[in-house]
Protein backbone atom coordinates (compact mmCIF):
# COMPACT_ATOMS: atom_id res chain seq x y z
CA MET A 1 -3.23 -12.39 -36.29
CA LYS A 2 -3.53 -9.03 -37.62
CA THR A 3 -6.00 -8.05 -34.90
CA LYS A 4 -3.27 -8.78 -32.43
CA LEU A 5 -0.82 -6.82 -34.30
CA ALA A 6 -3.14 -4.06 -34.51
CA VAL A 7 -4.02 -4.19 -31.00
CA ILE A 8 -0.21 -3.96 -30.11
CA ALA A 9 0.66 -1.68 -32.47
CA GLY A 10 -2.42 0.46 -30.67
CA MET A 11 -1.10 0.10 -27.31
CA ILE A 12 2.43 1.27 -28.57
CA ALA A 13 1.16 4.48 -29.64
CA LEU A 14 -0.92 5.01 -26.75
CA SER A 15 1.90 4.53 -24.52
CA SER A 16 3.94 7.00 -26.58
CA VAL A 17 1.39 9.72 -26.35
CA ALA A 18 0.79 8.90 -22.54
CA GLU A 19 4.58 9.80 -21.80
CA ALA A 20 4.31 12.61 -23.47
CA GLY A 21 2.02 14.66 -21.49
CA TYR A 22 -0.64 12.76 -19.80
CA LEU A 23 1.31 11.25 -17.17
CA ASP A 24 2.69 14.59 -15.93
CA LEU A 25 -1.08 15.42 -15.65
CA LEU A 26 -1.88 12.43 -13.83
CA ARG A 27 0.94 13.13 -11.34
CA ASP A 28 -0.19 16.52 -10.64
CA PHE A 29 -3.50 15.75 -10.08
CA ASP A 30 -2.19 12.82 -7.70
CA LEU A 31 -0.12 15.41 -5.85
CA LYS A 32 -3.09 17.64 -5.60
CA ILE A 33 -5.12 14.82 -4.04
CA LEU A 34 -2.31 13.91 -1.63
CA CYS A 35 -1.81 17.32 -0.52
CA VAL A 36 -5.68 17.90 0.51
CA VAL A 37 -5.61 14.72 2.06
CA SER A 38 -2.30 15.14 3.81
CA TRP A 39 -3.96 18.26 5.24
CA PHE A 40 -7.39 17.29 6.08
CA ALA A 41 -7.10 13.60 7.47
CA PRO A 42 -5.08 14.22 10.55
CA ALA A 43 -7.52 16.83 11.58
CA ILE A 44 -10.45 14.87 10.93
CA ALA A 45 -9.26 11.81 12.55
CA MET A 46 -8.28 14.01 15.64
CA LEU A 47 -11.70 15.37 15.93
CA LEU A 48 -13.38 11.95 15.62
CA PHE A 49 -11.02 10.72 18.30
CA LEU A 50 -11.67 13.30 20.72
CA ILE A 51 -15.44 13.01 20.14
CA GLY A 52 -14.93 9.25 20.62
CA GLY A 53 -12.71 9.76 23.73
CA VAL A 54 -15.84 12.03 25.26
CA LEU A 55 -18.42 9.49 24.42
CA LEU A 56 -16.48 6.86 26.00
CA ALA A 57 -15.94 9.10 29.06
CA THR A 58 -19.62 9.40 29.56
CA GLY A 59 -21.54 6.91 31.63
CA SER A 60 -23.92 5.40 29.10
CA PRO A 61 -23.14 1.76 27.91
CA ALA A 62 -24.42 2.79 24.36
CA ASN A 63 -22.23 5.80 24.36
CA ARG A 64 -19.39 3.88 25.19
CA VAL A 65 -19.59 1.36 22.68
CA LEU A 66 -20.06 4.19 20.05
CA GLY A 67 -16.96 5.78 21.68
CA LYS A 68 -14.82 2.69 21.29
CA ALA A 69 -16.12 2.59 17.63
CA MET A 70 -15.37 5.78 16.96
CA ILE A 71 -11.94 5.96 18.10
CA TYR A 72 -11.07 2.47 16.31
CA ASP A 73 -12.79 3.82 13.23
CA SER A 74 -10.48 6.94 13.27
CA ILE A 75 -7.48 5.18 14.00
CA LEU A 76 -8.16 2.75 11.08
CA GLY A 77 -9.05 5.64 8.63
CA LEU A 78 -5.59 7.45 9.50
CA ILE A 79 -3.77 4.39 8.73
CA LEU A 80 -5.40 3.44 5.43
CA VAL A 81 -4.69 7.35 4.52
CA VAL A 82 -1.11 6.97 5.03
CA GLY A 83 -1.02 3.62 3.37
CA PHE A 84 -2.60 5.35 0.48
CA ILE A 85 -0.03 8.22 0.59
CA LEU A 86 2.70 5.37 0.65
CA LEU A 87 1.80 3.63 -1.79
CA SER A 88 1.18 6.44 -4.46
CA LEU A 89 4.80 7.51 -3.51
CA MET A 90 6.03 4.05 -4.46
CA LEU A 91 4.10 4.06 -7.55
CA ILE A 92 5.07 7.22 -8.71
CA PRO A 93 8.56 7.90 -7.93
CA LYS A 94 9.11 11.60 -9.17
CA LEU A 95 6.09 12.62 -7.03
CA ASP A 96 7.31 15.38 -4.55
CA ILE A 97 5.13 15.32 -1.30
CA ALA A 98 7.17 18.13 0.14
CA ALA A 99 5.75 20.38 -2.33
CA CYS A 100 2.25 20.09 0.14
CA TYR A 101 4.36 21.65 2.85
CA GLY A 102 6.14 24.68 0.73
CA GLY A 103 9.17 22.65 0.63
């Protein structure tokens, strides 16, 4: 019984310490990651989409299969990145993604 109370008291102490400054640090770190991802992911996805289109346009059957896979993977990756951004915005309500774009 004493160990359960000690664990609960430790968790309460950690939660009060975490609220002080660590959550702000995590929020800032997550915002930096979101900024980098939101700037580079669309460019990389577009590049892969274009390369896949060129491979699809060439006559070789092997290139067609590779091109289709690249287009599919670039679209799927972009959907996953947008999902990551939306999930982060839902879980961290004070996160301001407009700061990435100068807003």
